[in-house]
Protein backbone atom coordinates (compact mmCIF):
# COMPACT_ATOMS: atom_id res chain seq x y z
CA MET A 1 0.00 0.00 0.00
CA VAL A 2 2.88 2.34 0.77
CA SER A 3 4.45 1.70 -2.63
CA LEU A 4 1.09 2.25 -4.33
CA ALA A 5 0.57 5.50 -2.46
CA VAL A 6 4.06 6.76 -3.34
CA GLY A 7 3.60 5.77 -6.98
CA LEU A 8 0.25 7.54 -7.29
CA HIS A 9 1.61 10.64 -5.56
CA ALA A 10 4.57 10.71 -7.97
CA ALA A 11 2.32 10.15 -10.99
CA PHE A 12 0.23 13.18 -10.10
CA SER A 13 3.15 15.31 -8.89
CA VAL A 14 5.18 15.16 -12.11
CA PRO A 15 2.68 17.09 -14.26
CA TYR A 16 2.10 19.54 -11.43
CA PHE A 17 5.79 20.36 -11.08
CA LEU A 18 6.19 20.61 -14.85
CA LEU A 19 3.34 23.08 -15.13
CA VAL A 20 3.85 25.05 -11.92
CA ASP A 21 4.97 28.66 -12.12
CA MET A 22 4.05 29.23 -15.75
CA GLU A 23 1.83 31.55 -17.68
CA VAL A 24 -0.69 30.46 -20.27
CA TRP A 25 1.37 31.75 -23.21
CA TRP A 26 4.55 30.10 -21.86
CA TRP A 27 3.13 26.61 -21.73
CA PRO A 28 6.14 24.48 -22.78
CA ARG A 29 8.63 26.58 -20.76
CA PRO A 30 9.88 23.87 -18.35
CA VAL A 31 10.17 21.35 -21.15
CA VAL A 32 11.96 23.82 -23.44
CA ALA A 33 14.28 24.84 -20.63
CA ALA A 34 15.13 21.19 -19.99
CA VAL A 35 15.85 20.63 -23.68
CA ASP A 36 18.00 23.76 -23.81
CA ARG A 37 20.02 22.49 -20.86
CA VAL A 38 20.59 19.14 -22.59
CA ARG A 39 21.27 20.43 -26.11
CA PRO A 40 24.72 22.02 -25.50
CA SER A 41 25.96 18.89 -23.77
CA SER A 42 24.79 16.80 -26.72
CA ARG A 43 26.68 19.13 -29.07
CA VAL A 44 29.80 18.71 -26.97
CA ALA A 45 29.35 14.95 -27.02
CA ALA A 46 28.92 15.00 -30.80
CA ASP A 47 32.04 17.14 -31.17
CA ARG A 48 34.02 14.76 -28.98
CA LEU A 49 32.76 11.82 -31.01
CA LEU A 50 33.77 13.54 -34.25
CA VAL A 51 37.25 14.27 -32.89
CA ALA A 52 37.61 10.65 -31.79
CA VAL A 53 36.60 9.40 -35.25
CA VAL A 54 39.07 11.72 -36.97
CA ASN A 55 41.84 10.68 -34.59
CA ALA A 56 41.04 7.02 -35.16
CA ARG A 57 41.19 7.50 -38.94
CA PHE A 58 44.58 9.19 -38.60
CA ASP A 59 45.86 6.40 -36.34
CA VAL A 60 44.68 3.72 -38.76
CA ARG A 61 46.37 5.46 -41.69
CA GLU A 62 49.60 5.80 -39.71
CA MET A 63 49.44 2.15 -38.67
CA ALA A 64 48.85 1.06 -42.28
CA ALA A 65 51.86 3.08 -43.45
CA ASP A 66 54.01 1.51 -40.73
CA ALA A 67 52.77 -1.95 -41.71
CA ARG A 68 53.76 -1.33 -45.34
CA VAL A 69 57.25 -0.22 -44.29
CA TYR A 70 57.69 -3.20 -41.97
CA ALA A 71 56.43 -5.58 -44.68
CA ALA A 72 59.01 -4.21 -47.13
CA LEU A 73 61.76 -4.48 -44.53
CA SER A 74 60.77 -8.01 -43.61
CA LEU A 75 60.77 -9.02 -47.28
CA ARG A 76 64.27 -7.58 -47.63
CA GLU A 77 65.43 -9.44 -44.55
CA ALA A 78 63.85 -12.64 -45.86
CA ALA A 79 65.70 -12.21 -49.17
CA VAL A 80 69.04 -11.69 -47.39
CA THR A 81 68.38 -14.73 -45.19
CA ALA A 82 67.43 -16.86 -48.21
CA ALA A 83 70.59 -15.77 -50.07
CA ALA A 84 72.76 -16.62 -47.06
CA LEU A 85 71.08 -20.02 -46.69
CA LEU A 86 71.51 -20.72 -50.40
CA ALA A 87 75.20 -19.80 -50.17
CA LEU A 88 75.67 -22.10 -47.19
CA LEU A 89 73.90 -25.00 -48.86
CA THR A 90 75.65 -24.73 -52.23
CA ILE A 91 79.21 -24.51 -50.89
CA THR A 92 80.84 -27.89 -50.39
CA PRO A 93 83.49 -28.39 -47.70
CA GLY A 94 86.17 -29.06 -50.31
CA ASP A 95 85.65 -25.68 -51.98
CA VAL A 96 86.49 -23.79 -48.81
CA ARG A 97 90.17 -24.90 -48.75
């Protein structure tokens, strides 16, 4: 019963507190004021999201460029290693003397 009484009181109090202290020609004033308080924070959040996306795109491009450089370097190292292995395998012990 206590929960029901509190719930009914809250259900009737919300419209009262939304409409209290307003004139007839200012009807949506509390609602508009609440939206105006939220709107700048949503713009800031959108700006932060946009900055994060741009930073992520830059980081991905930089990482891709690094991956290309490391791939080229690893291919060069693989070629040097293969040439050294080929030289070791083709030389016979009698040729070294």
